Structure formats: C-alpha cells, structure tokens
Amino acid sequence: MTLGLIGGSPARAKPLFELYRQAGAQSGQPAWKLKAGLVSHFLVGATSQGARDTLFPHYRDYLAPKTPGGRGFVVDRFMGQVDLGGLPCDTVMDSIELFATEVAPVIRRELPQ
C-alpha cells in the first residue's frame, strides 16, 4: 500500500498503515508481504538550506490557491514527487542525481538488511 502525504504530519498516516497491516494479518498474509510506502514532495540540494531556498518559492506557488479551491513513522518505501510548481528542469535533474549519489547510499547503508 502506498499513501500520498502532500501536507501535514506523517503521524496522520500511521493509523492507516496500522489498519492495513492488521487487515492483512487477519486475512492470513505474512507480515513480510505487507509493504507500505509513503509519497511526498522533496528536493535534494547540495546543502539543506540551499534546497529550502530553491524549493520554497516554487512550493509556495504550488500550494497557492491559483486554481479554484487551491491545494491546500516507518515505511518500507518512499516515492518523492520532485517536479512540482514549475521547478526548472536542471534543478529537478540535480535533485535526482544528488538523491541517487548522496542520499540513497546513506539510507541503504543505515537501514537494516
């Protein structure tokens, strides 16, 4: 199961993951098959402040009510929506490259096998 979290606290997703795993267990599914994922927005930059400074104007525009209505825990997978709010293509590509070369190897190294 993958949940989209585009605002608010990840803690709001926890009860849904618990319900999913409980329902899976009750239906006889082994725990190792009950994978869970979370989708959210992200940008990786050379520095955390640089990423904030780059993303904020675009994210602010993304969340702004320009259209009618506007926009207003531990998981097994994370899917990030990188291209949002009109970020320039080179910024998106740099973020993906930094995630692949700098962030993902650390995550893989730190997570239990």
PDB file of N, CA and C in Angstrom:
ATOM      1  N   MET A   1       0.843  -1.162   0.000  1.00  0.00           N
ATOM      2  CA  MET A   1       0.000   0.000   0.000  1.00  0.00           C
ATOM      3  C   MET A   1       0.891   1.228   0.000  1.00  0.00           C
ATOM      4  N   THR A   2       0.504   2.221  -0.788  1.00  0.00           N
ATOM      5  CA  THR A   2       1.212   3.485  -0.810  1.00  0.00           C
ATOM      6  C   THR A   2       0.233   4.607  -0.530  1.00  0.00           C
ATOM      7  N   LEU A   3       0.586   5.453   0.416  1.00  0.00           N
ATOM      8  CA  LEU A   3      -0.241   6.611   0.763  1.00  0.00           C
ATOM      9  C   LEU A   3       0.436   7.881   0.280  1.00  0.00           C
ATOM     10  N   GLY A   4      -0.352   8.811  -0.199  1.00  0.00           N
ATOM     11  CA  GLY A   4       0.166  10.118  -0.577  1.00  0.00           C
ATOM     12  C   GLY A   4       0.074  11.072   0.598  1.00  0.00           C
ATOM     13  N   LEU A   5       1.171  11.706   0.931  1.00  0.00           N
ATOM     14  CA  LEU A   5       1.199  12.682   2.017  1.00  0.00           C
ATOM     15  C   LEU A   5       1.742  13.978   1.432  1.00  0.00           C
ATOM     16  N   ILE A   6       0.862  14.890   1.091  1.00  0.00           N
ATOM     17  CA  ILE A   6       1.318  16.138   0.486  1.00  0.00           C
ATOM     18  C   ILE A   6       1.139  17.315   1.439  1.00  0.00           C
ATOM     19  N   GLY A   7       0.870  17.010   2.669  1.00  0.00           N
ATOM     20  CA  GLY A   7       0.764  18.068   3.663  1.00  0.00           C
ATOM     21  C   GLY A   7       0.482  17.470   5.023  1.00  0.00           C
ATOM     22  N   GLY A   8       0.827  18.188   6.048  1.00  0.00           N
ATOM     23  CA  GLY A   8       0.565  17.725   7.400  1.00  0.00           C
ATOM     24  C   GLY A   8       1.649  16.794   7.904  1.00  0.00           C
ATOM     25  N   SER A   9       1.377  16.222   9.036  1.00  0.00           N
ATOM     26  CA  SER A   9       2.349  15.379   9.725  1.00  0.00           C
ATOM     27  C   SER A   9       2.265  13.932   9.250  1.00  0.00           C
ATOM     28  N   PRO A  10       3.419  13.271   9.072  1.00  0.00           N
ATOM     29  CA  PRO A  10       3.402  11.841   8.742  1.00  0.00           C
ATOM     30  C   PRO A  10       2.683  11.007   9.802  1.00  0.00           C
ATOM     31  N   ALA A  11       2.576  11.528  11.014  1.00  0.00           N
ATOM     32  CA  ALA A  11       1.881  10.793  12.076  1.00  0.00           C
ATOM     33  C   ALA A  11       0.422  10.528  11.714  1.00  0.00           C
ATOM     34  N   ARG A  12      -0.158  11.374  10.851  1.00  0.00           N
ATOM     35  CA  ARG A  12      -1.543  11.161  10.433  1.00  0.00           C
ATOM     36  C   ARG A  12      -1.693   9.895   9.597  1.00  0.00           C
ATOM     37  N   ALA A  13      -0.616   9.442   8.968  1.00  0.00           N
ATOM     38  CA  ALA A  13      -0.676   8.247   8.136  1.00  0.00           C
ATOM     39  C   ALA A  13      -0.532   6.966   8.956  1.00  0.00           C
ATOM     40  N   LYS A  14       0.049   7.073  10.135  1.00  0.00           N
ATOM     41  CA  LYS A  14       0.334   5.885  10.940  1.00  0.00           C
ATOM     42  C   LYS A  14      -0.894   5.012  11.200  1.00  0.00           C
ATOM     43  N   PRO A  15      -2.042   5.572  11.604  1.00  0.00           N
ATOM     44  CA  PRO A  15      -3.208   4.704  11.838  1.00  0.00           C
ATOM     45  C   PRO A  15      -3.643   3.949  10.572  1.00  0.00           C
ATOM     46  N   LEU A  16      -3.478   4.565   9.413  1.00  0.00           N
ATOM     47  CA  LEU A  16      -3.856   3.889   8.170  1.00  0.00           C
ATOM     48  C   LEU A  16      -2.926   2.717   7.874  1.00  0.00           C
ATOM     49  N   PHE A  17      -1.636   2.909   8.117  1.00  0.00           N
ATOM     50  CA  PHE A  17      -0.684   1.805   7.932  1.00  0.00           C
ATOM     51  C   PHE A  17      -0.976   0.680   8.926  1.00  0.00           C
ATOM     52  N   GLU A  18      -1.290   1.045  10.168  1.00  0.00           N
ATOM     53  CA  GLU A  18      -1.599   0.025  11.174  1.00  0.00           C
ATOM     54  C   GLU A  18      -2.850  -0.759  10.784  1.00  0.00           C
ATOM     55  N   LEU A  19      -3.860  -0.067  10.287  1.00  0.00           N
ATOM     56  CA  LEU A  19      -5.093  -0.730   9.852  1.00  0.00           C
ATOM     57  C   LEU A  19      -4.823  -1.665   8.673  1.00  0.00           C
ATOM     58  N   TYR A  20      -4.020  -1.210   7.730  1.00  0.00           N
ATOM     59  CA  TYR A  20      -3.635  -2.033   6.577  1.00  0.00           C
ATOM     60  C   TYR A  20      -2.936  -3.315   7.033  1.00  0.00           C
ATOM     61  N   ARG A  21      -1.960  -3.174   7.925  1.00  0.00           N
ATOM     62  CA  ARG A  21      -1.223  -4.361   8.395  1.00  0.00           C
ATOM     63  C   ARG A  21      -2.114  -5.281   9.236  1.00  0.00           C
ATOM     64  N   GLN A  22      -3.009  -4.710  10.021  1.00  0.00           N
ATOM     65  CA  GLN A  22      -3.941  -5.511  10.816  1.00  0.00           C
ATOM     66  C   GLN A  22      -4.879  -6.298   9.887  1.00  0.00           C
ATOM     67  N   ALA A  23      -5.421  -5.639   8.881  1.00  0.00           N
ATOM     68  CA  ALA A  23      -6.322  -6.319   7.942  1.00  0.00           C
ATOM     69  C   ALA A  23      -5.573  -7.404   7.175  1.00  0.00           C
ATOM     70  N   GLY A  24      -4.343  -7.124   6.792  1.00  0.00           N
ATOM     71  CA  GLY A  24      -3.539  -8.128   6.102  1.00  0.00           C
ATOM     72  C   GLY A  24      -3.273  -9.338   6.966  1.00  0.00           C
ATOM     73  N   ALA A  25      -2.941  -9.093   8.224  1.00  0.00           N
ATOM     74  CA  ALA A  25      -2.678 -10.200   9.152  1.00  0.00           C
ATOM     75  C   ALA A  25      -3.939 -11.025   9.372  1.00  0.00           C
ATOM     76  N   GLN A  26      -5.072 -10.361   9.521  1.00  0.00           N
ATOM     77  CA  GLN A  26      -6.335 -11.074   9.737  1.00  0.00           C
ATOM     78  C   GLN A  26      -6.737 -11.914   8.526  1.00  0.00           C
ATOM     79  N   SER A  27      -6.271 -11.497   7.345  1.00  0.00           N
ATOM     80  CA  SER A  27      -6.605 -12.266   6.141  1.00  0.00           C
ATOM     81  C   SER A  27      -5.567 -13.336   5.840  1.00  0.00           C
ATOM     82  N   GLY A  28      -4.597 -13.483   6.750  1.00  0.00           N
ATOM     83  CA  GLY A  28      -3.615 -14.544   6.602  1.00  0.00           C
ATOM     84  C   GLY A  28      -2.373 -14.189   5.804  1.00  0.00           C
ATOM     85  N   GLN A  29      -2.182 -12.920   5.493  1.00  0.00           N
ATOM     86  CA  GLN A  29      -0.990 -12.511   4.744  1.00  0.00           C
ATOM     87  C   GLN A  29       0.219 -12.469   5.670  1.00  0.00           C
ATOM     88  N   PRO A  30       1.357 -13.006   5.227  1.00  0.00           N
ATOM     89  CA  PRO A  30       2.558 -12.903   6.058  1.00  0.00           C
ATOM     90  C   PRO A  30       3.020 -11.446   6.159  1.00  0.00           C
ATOM     91  N   ALA A  31       3.552 -11.091   7.299  1.00  0.00           N
ATOM     92  CA  ALA A  31       3.965  -9.703   7.549  1.00  0.00           C
ATOM     93  C   ALA A  31       4.947  -9.194   6.496  1.00  0.00           C
ATOM     94  N   TRP A  32       5.840 -10.048   6.011  1.00  0.00           N
ATOM     95  CA  TRP A  32       6.845  -9.592   5.046  1.00  0.00           C
ATOM     96  C   TRP A  32       6.215  -9.185   3.715  1.00  0.00           C
ATOM     97  N   LYS A  33       5.001  -9.599   3.445  1.00  0.00           N
ATOM     98  CA  LYS A  33       4.320  -9.215   2.207  1.00  0.00           C
ATOM     99  C   LYS A  33       3.576  -7.884   2.346  1.00  0.00           C
ATOM    100  N   LEU A  34       3.386  -7.423   3.548  1.00  0.00           N
ATOM    101  CA  LEU A  34       2.582  -6.234   3.798  1.00  0.00           C
ATOM    102  C   LEU A  34       3.460  -4.980   3.779  1.00  0.00           C
ATOM    103  N   LYS A  35       3.958  -4.661   2.620  1.00  0.00           N
ATOM    104  CA  LYS A  35       4.821  -3.491   2.451  1.00  0.00           C
ATOM    105  C   LYS A  35       3.987  -2.222   2.450  1.00  0.00           C
ATOM    106  N   ALA A  36       4.577  -1.157   2.909  1.00  0.00           N
ATOM    107  CA  ALA A  36       3.894   0.129   2.948  1.00  0.00           C
ATOM    108  C   ALA A  36       4.827   1.207   2.414  1.00  0.00           C
ATOM    109  N   GLY A  37       4.257   2.165   1.741  1.00  0.00           N
ATOM    110  CA  GLY A  37       5.042   3.250   1.174  1.00  0.00           C
ATOM    111  C   GLY A  37       4.367   4.588   1.412  1.00  0.00           C
ATOM    112  N   LEU A  38       5.156   5.636   1.310  1.00  0.00           N
ATOM    113  CA  LEU A  38       4.683   6.994   1.529  1.00  0.00           C
ATOM    114  C   LEU A  38       5.186   7.862   0.388  1.00  0.00           C
ATOM    115  N   VAL A  39       4.313   8.620  -0.213  1.00  0.00           N
ATOM    116  CA  VAL A  39       4.672   9.536  -1.296  1.00  0.00           C
ATOM    117  C   VAL A  39       4.577  10.958  -0.762  1.00  0.00           C
ATOM    118  N   SER A  40       5.600  11.746  -1.023  1.00  0.00           N
ATOM    119  CA  SER A  40       5.604  13.134  -0.591  1.00  0.00           C
ATOM    120  C   SER A  40       6.472  13.938  -1.549  1.00  0.00           C
ATOM    121  N   HIS A  41       6.462  15.237  -1.401  1.00  0.00           N
ATOM    122  CA  HIS A  41       7.321  16.092  -2.213  1.00  0.00           C
ATOM    123  C   HIS A  41       8.700  16.178  -1.584  1.00  0.00           C
ATOM    124  N   PHE A  42       9.725  16.334  -2.418  1.00  0.00           N
ATOM    125  CA  PHE A  42      11.063  16.515  -1.870  1.00  0.00           C
ATOM    126  C   PHE A  42      11.984  17.148  -2.895  1.00  0.00           C
ATOM    127  N   LEU A  43      13.057  17.705  -2.412  1.00  0.00           N
ATOM    128  CA  LEU A  43      14.128  18.230  -3.254  1.00  0.00           C
ATOM    129  C   LEU A  43      15.419  18.044  -2.478  1.00  0.00           C
ATOM    130  N   VAL A  44      16.420  17.482  -3.115  1.00  0.00           N
ATOM    131  CA  VAL A  44      17.734  17.332  -2.510  1.00  0.00           C
ATOM    132  C   VAL A  44      18.640  18.389  -3.118  1.00  0.00           C
ATOM    133  N   GLY A  45      19.343  19.116  -2.281  1.00  0.00           N
ATOM    134  CA  GLY A  45      20.292  20.117  -2.748  1.00  0.00           C
ATOM    135  C   GLY A  45      21.653  19.854  -2.141  1.00  0.00           C
ATOM    136  N   ALA A  46      22.634  20.606  -2.578  1.00  0.00           N
ATOM    137  CA  ALA A  46      23.992  20.444  -2.053  1.00  0.00           C
ATOM    138  C   ALA A  46      24.018  20.716  -0.547  1.00  0.00           C
ATOM    139  N   THR A  47      23.166  21.642  -0.094  1.00  0.00           N
ATOM    140  CA  THR A  47      23.012  21.904   1.345  1.00  0.00           C
ATOM    141  C   THR A  47      21.516  21.935   1.651  1.00  0.00           C
ATOM    142  N   SER A  48      21.168  21.677   2.895  1.00  0.00           N
ATOM    143  CA  SER A  48      19.743  21.696   3.256  1.00  0.00           C
ATOM    144  C   SER A  48      19.163  23.102   3.097  1.00  0.00           C
ATOM    145  N   GLN A  49      19.920  24.126   3.476  1.00  0.00           N
ATOM    146  CA  GLN A  49      19.405  25.488   3.331  1.00  0.00           C
ATOM    147  C   GLN A  49      19.279  25.861   1.862  1.00  0.00           C
ATOM    148  N   GLY A  50      20.234  25.433   1.052  1.00  0.00           N
ATOM    149  CA  GLY A  50      20.151  25.697  -0.385  1.00  0.00           C
ATOM    150  C   GLY A  50      18.921  25.046  -1.003  1.00  0.00           C
ATOM    151  N   ALA A  51      18.623  23.817  -0.580  1.00  0.00           N
ATOM    152  CA  ALA A  51      17.425  23.138  -1.082  1.00  0.00           C
ATOM    153  C   ALA A  51      16.176  23.902  -0.655  1.00  0.00           C
ATOM    154  N   ARG A  52      16.135  24.357   0.598  1.00  0.00           N
ATOM    155  CA  ARG A  52      14.977  25.135   1.063  1.00  0.00           C
ATOM    156  C   ARG A  52      14.829  26.417   0.251  1.00  0.00           C
ATOM    157  N   ASP A  53      15.945  27.120   0.076  1.00  0.00           N
ATOM    158  CA  ASP A  53      15.900  28.389  -0.652  1.00  0.00           C
ATOM    159  C   ASP A  53      15.461  28.192  -2.096  1.00  0.00           C
ATOM    160  N   THR A  54      15.875  27.083  -2.704  1.00  0.00           N
ATOM    161  CA  THR A  54      15.500  26.796  -4.091  1.00  0.00           C
ATOM    162  C   THR A  54      14.044  26.374  -4.191  1.00  0.00           C
ATOM    163  N   LEU A  55      13.619  25.502  -3.297  1.00  0.00           N
ATOM    164  CA  LEU A  55      12.280  24.927  -3.397  1.00  0.00           C
ATOM    165  C   LEU A  55      11.173  25.860  -2.930  1.00  0.00           C
ATOM    166  N   PHE A  56      11.423  26.639  -1.895  1.00  0.00           N
ATOM    167  CA  PHE A  56      10.329  27.379  -1.254  1.00  0.00           C
ATOM    168  C   PHE A  56       9.498  28.227  -2.210  1.00  0.00           C
ATOM    169  N   PRO A  57      10.117  29.071  -3.065  1.00  0.00           N
ATOM    170  CA  PRO A  57       9.262  29.894  -3.938  1.00  0.00           C
ATOM    171  C   PRO A  57       8.372  29.044  -4.848  1.00  0.00           C
ATOM    172  N   HIS A  58       8.895  27.932  -5.313  1.00  0.00           N
ATOM    173  CA  HIS A  58       8.122  27.054  -6.197  1.00  0.00           C
ATOM    174  C   HIS A  58       7.050  26.306  -5.414  1.00  0.00           C
ATOM    175  N   TYR A  59       7.392  25.851  -4.215  1.00  0.00           N
ATOM    176  CA  TYR A  59       6.432  25.121  -3.395  1.00  0.00           C
ATOM    177  C   TYR A  59       5.316  26.049  -2.940  1.00  0.00           C
ATOM    178  N   ARG A  60       5.673  27.275  -2.596  1.00  0.00           N
ATOM    179  CA  ARG A  60       4.668  28.270  -2.220  1.00  0.00           C
ATOM    180  C   ARG A  60       3.689  28.475  -3.373  1.00  0.00           C
ATOM    181  N   ASP A  61       4.210  28.586  -4.603  1.00  0.00           N
ATOM    182  CA  ASP A  61       3.342  28.739  -5.769  1.00  0.00           C
ATOM    183  C   ASP A  61       2.495  27.492  -6.002  1.00  0.00           C
ATOM    184  N   TYR A  62       3.070  26.343  -5.754  1.00  0.00           N
ATOM    185  CA  TYR A  62       2.347  25.081  -5.937  1.00  0.00           C
ATOM    186  C   TYR A  62       1.152  24.992  -4.996  1.00  0.00           C
ATOM    187  N   LEU A  63       1.335  25.451  -3.772  1.00  0.00           N
ATOM    188  CA  LEU A  63       0.279  25.360  -2.771  1.00  0.00           C
ATOM    189  C   LEU A  63      -0.678  26.552  -2.797  1.00  0.00           C
ATOM    190  N   ALA A  64      -0.305  27.605  -3.503  1.00  0.00           N
ATOM    191  CA  ALA A  64      -1.138  28.806  -3.539  1.00  0.00           C
ATOM    192  C   ALA A  64      -2.452  28.519  -4.269  1.00  0.00           C
ATOM    193  N   PRO A  65      -3.498  29.180  -3.832  1.00  0.00           N
ATOM    194  CA  PRO A  65      -4.799  28.935  -4.464  1.00  0.00           C
ATOM    195  C   PRO A  65      -4.958  29.664  -5.794  1.00  0.00           C
ATOM    196  N   LYS A  66      -4.144  29.301  -6.794  1.00  0.00           N
ATOM    197  CA  LYS A  66      -4.252  29.913  -8.113  1.00  0.00           C
ATOM    198  C   LYS A  66      -5.407  29.311  -8.905  1.00  0.00           C
ATOM    199  N   THR A  67      -5.790  28.109  -8.536  1.00  0.00           N
ATOM    200  CA  THR A  67      -6.915  27.456  -9.190  1.00  0.00           C
ATOM    201  C   THR A  67      -8.074  27.415  -8.207  1.00  0.00           C
ATOM    202  N   PRO A  68      -9.294  27.249  -8.678  1.00  0.00           N
ATOM    203  CA  PRO A  68     -10.429  27.205  -7.742  1.00  0.00           C
ATOM    204  C   PRO A  68     -10.203  26.153  -6.656  1.00  0.00           C
ATOM    205  N   GLY A  69     -10.248  26.566  -5.415  1.00  0.00           N
ATOM    206  CA  GLY A  69     -10.076  25.645  -4.295  1.00  0.00           C
ATOM    207  C   GLY A  69      -8.641  25.497  -3.844  1.00  0.00           C
ATOM    208  N   GLY A  70      -7.661  25.834  -4.692  1.00  0.00           N
ATOM    209  CA  GLY A  70      -6.256  25.731  -4.328  1.00  0.00           C
ATOM    210  C   GLY A  70      -5.837  24.327  -3.957  1.00  0.00           C
ATOM    211  N   ARG A  71      -4.757  24.225  -3.269  1.00  0.00           N
ATOM    212  CA  ARG A  71      -4.263  22.958  -2.770  1.00  0.00           C
ATOM    213  C   ARG A  71      -4.052  23.099  -1.271  1.00  0.00           C
ATOM    214  N   GLY A  72      -4.339  22.940  -1.174  1.00  0.00           N
ATOM    215  CA  GLY A  72      -4.346  23.287   0.224  1.00  0.00           C
ATOM    216  C   GLY A  72      -3.210  22.823   1.155  1.00  0.00           C
ATOM    217  N   PHE A  73       6.830   8.225  10.655  1.00  0.00           N
ATOM    218  CA  PHE A  73       6.682   6.832  11.055  1.00  0.00           C
ATOM    219  C   PHE A  73       7.563   5.879  10.214  1.00  0.00           C
ATOM    220  N   VAL A  74       7.497   4.800  10.193  1.00  0.00           N
ATOM    221  CA  VAL A  74       8.420   3.941   9.438  1.00  0.00           C
ATOM    222  C   VAL A  74       7.645   3.295   8.299  1.00  0.00           C
ATOM    223  N   VAL A  75       8.166   3.447   7.078  1.00  0.00           N
ATOM    224  CA  VAL A  75       7.571   2.808   5.902  1.00  0.00           C
ATOM    225  C   VAL A  75       8.666   2.068   5.160  1.00  0.00           C
ATOM    226  N   ASP A  76       8.244   1.182   4.269  1.00  0.00           N
ATOM    227  CA  ASP A  76       9.194   0.384   3.513  1.00  0.00           C
ATOM    228  C   ASP A  76       9.704   1.095   2.263  1.00  0.00           C
ATOM    229  N   ARG A  77       8.941   2.009   1.761  1.00  0.00           N
ATOM    230  CA  ARG A  77       9.323   2.711   0.541  1.00  0.00           C
ATOM    231  C   ARG A  77       8.958   4.186   0.666  1.00  0.00           C
ATOM    232  N   PHE A  78       9.688   4.999  -0.067  1.00  0.00           N
ATOM    233  CA  PHE A  78       9.382   6.417  -0.175  1.00  0.00           C
ATOM    234  C   PHE A  78       9.395   6.771  -1.647  1.00  0.00           C
ATOM    235  N   MET A  79       8.335   7.379  -2.126  1.00  0.00           N
ATOM    236  CA  MET A  79       8.302   7.867  -3.505  1.00  0.00           C
ATOM    237  C   MET A  79       8.170   9.373  -3.441  1.00  0.00           C
ATOM    238  N   GLY A  80       9.125  10.067  -3.988  1.00  0.00           N
ATOM    239  CA  GLY A  80       9.116  11.519  -3.917  1.00  0.00           C
ATOM    240  C   GLY A  80       8.681  12.139  -5.224  1.00  0.00           C
ATOM    241  N   GLN A  81       7.841  13.141  -5.131  1.00  0.00           N
ATOM    242  CA  GLN A  81       7.424  13.901  -6.301  1.00  0.00           C
ATOM    243  C   GLN A  81       8.357  15.090  -6.415  1.00  0.00           C
ATOM    244  N   VAL A  82       9.275  15.017  -7.350  1.00  0.00           N
ATOM    245  CA  VAL A  82      10.333  16.020  -7.448  1.00  0.00           C
ATOM    246  C   VAL A  82       9.912  17.221  -8.276  1.00  0.00           C
ATOM    247  N   ASP A  83       9.271  16.987  -9.403  1.00  0.00           N
ATOM    248  CA  ASP A  83       8.947  18.059 -10.345  1.00  0.00           C
ATOM    249  C   ASP A  83       7.606  18.673  -9.985  1.00  0.00           C
ATOM    250  N   LEU A  84       7.632  19.800  -9.284  1.00  0.00           N
ATOM    251  CA  LEU A  84       6.381  20.440  -8.886  1.00  0.00           C
ATOM    252  C   LEU A  84       6.540  21.944  -8.903  1.00  0.00           C
ATOM    253  N   GLY A  85       5.473  22.617  -9.118  1.00  0.00           N
ATOM    254  CA  GLY A  85       5.456  24.069  -9.011  1.00  0.00           C
ATOM    255  C   GLY A  85       6.327  24.806 -10.002  1.00  0.00           C
ATOM    256  N   GLY A  86       6.691  24.166 -11.102  1.00  0.00           N
ATOM    257  CA  GLY A  86       7.481  24.846 -12.120  1.00  0.00           C
ATOM    258  C   GLY A  86       8.972  24.912 -11.843  1.00  0.00           C
ATOM    259  N   LEU A  87       9.491  23.996 -11.013  1.00  0.00           N
ATOM    260  CA  LEU A  87      10.944  23.971 -10.797  1.00  0.00           C
ATOM    261  C   LEU A  87      11.650  23.807 -12.140  1.00  0.00           C
ATOM    262  N   PRO A  88      12.747  24.512 -12.352  1.00  0.00           N
ATOM    263  CA  PRO A  88      13.484  24.342 -13.600  1.00  0.00           C
ATOM    264  C   PRO A  88      13.993  22.907 -13.758  1.00  0.00           C
ATOM    265  N   CYS A  89      14.038  22.435 -14.990  1.00  0.00           N
ATOM    266  CA  CYS A  89      14.445  21.060 -15.283  1.00  0.00           C
ATOM    267  C   CYS A  89      15.826  20.745 -14.706  1.00  0.00           C
ATOM    268  N   ASP A  90      16.784  21.667 -14.823  1.00  0.00           N
ATOM    269  CA  ASP A  90      18.125  21.373 -14.308  1.00  0.00           C
ATOM    270  C   ASP A  90      18.118  21.220 -12.787  1.00  0.00           C
ATOM    271  N   THR A  91      17.245  21.939 -12.102  1.00  0.00           N
ATOM    272  CA  THR A  91      17.124  21.781 -10.646  1.00  0.00           C
ATOM    273  C   THR A  91      16.561  20.408 -10.307  1.00  0.00           C
ATOM    274  N   VAL A  92      15.538  19.980 -11.044  1.00  0.00           N
ATOM    275  CA  VAL A  92      14.945  18.654 -10.835  1.00  0.00           C
ATOM    276  C   VAL A  92      15.987  17.573 -11.087  1.00  0.00           C
ATOM    277  N   MET A  93      16.716  17.687 -12.185  1.00  0.00           N
ATOM    278  CA  MET A  93      17.727  16.681 -12.521  1.00  0.00           C
ATOM    279  C   MET A  93      18.854  16.657 -11.483  1.00  0.00           C
ATOM    280  N   ASP A  94      19.278  17.833 -11.012  1.00  0.00           N
ATOM    281  CA  ASP A  94      20.309  17.887  -9.963  1.00  0.00           C
ATOM    282  C   ASP A  94      19.817  17.210  -8.691  1.00  0.00           C
ATOM    283  N   SER A  95      18.560  17.434  -8.340  1.00  0.00           N
ATOM    284  CA  SER A  95      17.991  16.818  -7.144  1.00  0.00           C
ATOM    285  C   SER A  95      17.982  15.297  -7.269  1.00  0.00           C
ATOM    286  N   ILE A  96      17.563  14.791  -8.429  1.00  0.00           N
ATOM    287  CA  ILE A  96      17.532  13.346  -8.650  1.00  0.00           C
ATOM    288  C   ILE A  96      18.937  12.767  -8.571  1.00  0.00           C
ATOM    289  N   GLU A  97      19.907  13.449  -9.181  1.00  0.00           N
ATOM    290  CA  GLU A  97      21.287  12.958  -9.148  1.00  0.00           C
ATOM    291  C   GLU A  97      21.839  12.946  -7.729  1.00  0.00           C
ATOM    292  N   LEU A  98      21.607  14.011  -6.966  1.00  0.00           N
ATOM    293  CA  LEU A  98      22.086  14.058  -5.586  1.00  0.00           C
ATOM    294  C   LEU A  98      21.404  12.998  -4.725  1.00  0.00           C
ATOM    295  N   PHE A  99      20.122  12.775  -4.968  1.00  0.00           N
ATOM    296  CA  PHE A  99      19.436  11.721  -4.229  1.00  0.00           C
ATOM    297  C   PHE A  99      20.081  10.369  -4.517  1.00  0.00           C
ATOM    298  N   ALA A 100      20.351  10.103  -5.791  1.00  0.00           N
ATOM    299  CA  ALA A 100      20.929   8.813  -6.190  1.00  0.00           C
ATOM    300  C   ALA A 100      22.362   8.628  -5.705  1.00  0.00           C
ATOM    301  N   THR A 101      23.146   9.692  -5.705  1.00  0.00           N
ATOM    302  CA  THR A 101      24.569   9.553  -5.390  1.00  0.00           C
ATOM    303  C   THR A 101      24.924   9.856  -3.939  1.00  0.00           C
ATOM    304  N   GLU A 102      24.132  10.690  -3.270  1.00  0.00           N
ATOM    305  CA  GLU A 102      24.475  11.110  -1.910  1.00  0.00           C
ATOM    306  C   GLU A 102      23.502  10.578  -0.847  1.00  0.00           C
ATOM    307  N   VAL A 103      22.213  10.689  -1.105  1.00  0.00           N
ATOM    308  CA  VAL A 103      21.215  10.353  -0.088  1.00  0.00           C
ATOM    309  C   VAL A 103      20.926   8.853  -0.052  1.00  0.00           C
ATOM    310  N   ALA A 104      20.576   8.273  -1.187  1.00  0.00           N
ATOM    311  CA  ALA A 104      20.191   6.849  -1.230  1.00  0.00           C
ATOM    312  C   ALA A 104      21.279   5.926  -0.688  1.00  0.00           C
ATOM    313  N   PRO A 105      22.567   6.132  -1.024  1.00  0.00           N
ATOM    314  CA  PRO A 105      23.584   5.238  -0.455  1.00  0.00           C
ATOM    315  C   PRO A 105      23.638   5.285   1.076  1.00  0.00           C
ATOM    316  N   VAL A 106      23.423   6.452   1.657  1.00  0.00           N
ATOM    317  CA  VAL A 106      23.422   6.565   3.121  1.00  0.00           C
ATOM    318  C   VAL A 106      22.212   5.834   3.695  1.00  0.00           C
ATOM    319  N   ILE A 107      21.069   6.015   3.082  1.00  0.00           N
ATOM    320  CA  ILE A 107      19.861   5.325   3.552  1.00  0.00           C
ATOM    321  C   ILE A 107      20.060   3.815   3.476  1.00  0.00           C
ATOM    322  N   ARG A 108      20.573   3.343   2.347  1.00  0.00           N
ATOM    323  CA  ARG A 108      20.807   1.896   2.195  1.00  0.00           C
ATOM    324  C   ARG A 108      21.782   1.373   3.240  1.00  0.00           C
ATOM    325  N   ARG A 109      22.818   2.156   3.516  1.00  0.00           N
ATOM    326  CA  ARG A 109      23.836   1.741   4.472  1.00  0.00           C
ATOM    327  C   ARG A 109      23.268   1.713   5.900  1.00  0.00           C
ATOM    328  N   GLU A 110      22.392   2.647   6.224  1.00  0.00           N
ATOM    329  CA  GLU A 110      21.884   2.782   7.579  1.00  0.00           C
ATOM    330  C   GLU A 110      20.691   1.862   7.893  1.00  0.00           C
ATOM    331  N   LEU A 111      19.963   1.450   6.889  1.00  0.00           N
ATOM    332  CA  LEU A 111      18.808   0.589   7.126  1.00  0.00           C
ATOM    333  C   LEU A 111      19.248  -0.846   7.375  1.00  0.00           C
ATOM    334  N   PRO A 112      18.547  -1.536   8.241  1.00  0.00           N
ATOM    335  CA  PRO A 112      18.875  -2.957   8.453  1.00  0.00           C
ATOM    336  C   PRO A 112      18.579  -3.758   7.200  1.00  0.00           C
ATOM    337  N   GLN A 113      19.429  -4.725   6.923  1.00  0.00           N
ATOM    338  CA  GLN A 113      19.233  -5.579   5.745  1.00  0.00           C
ATOM    339  C   GLN A 113      18.278  -6.615   6.081  1.00  0.00           C
TER     340      GLN A 113
END
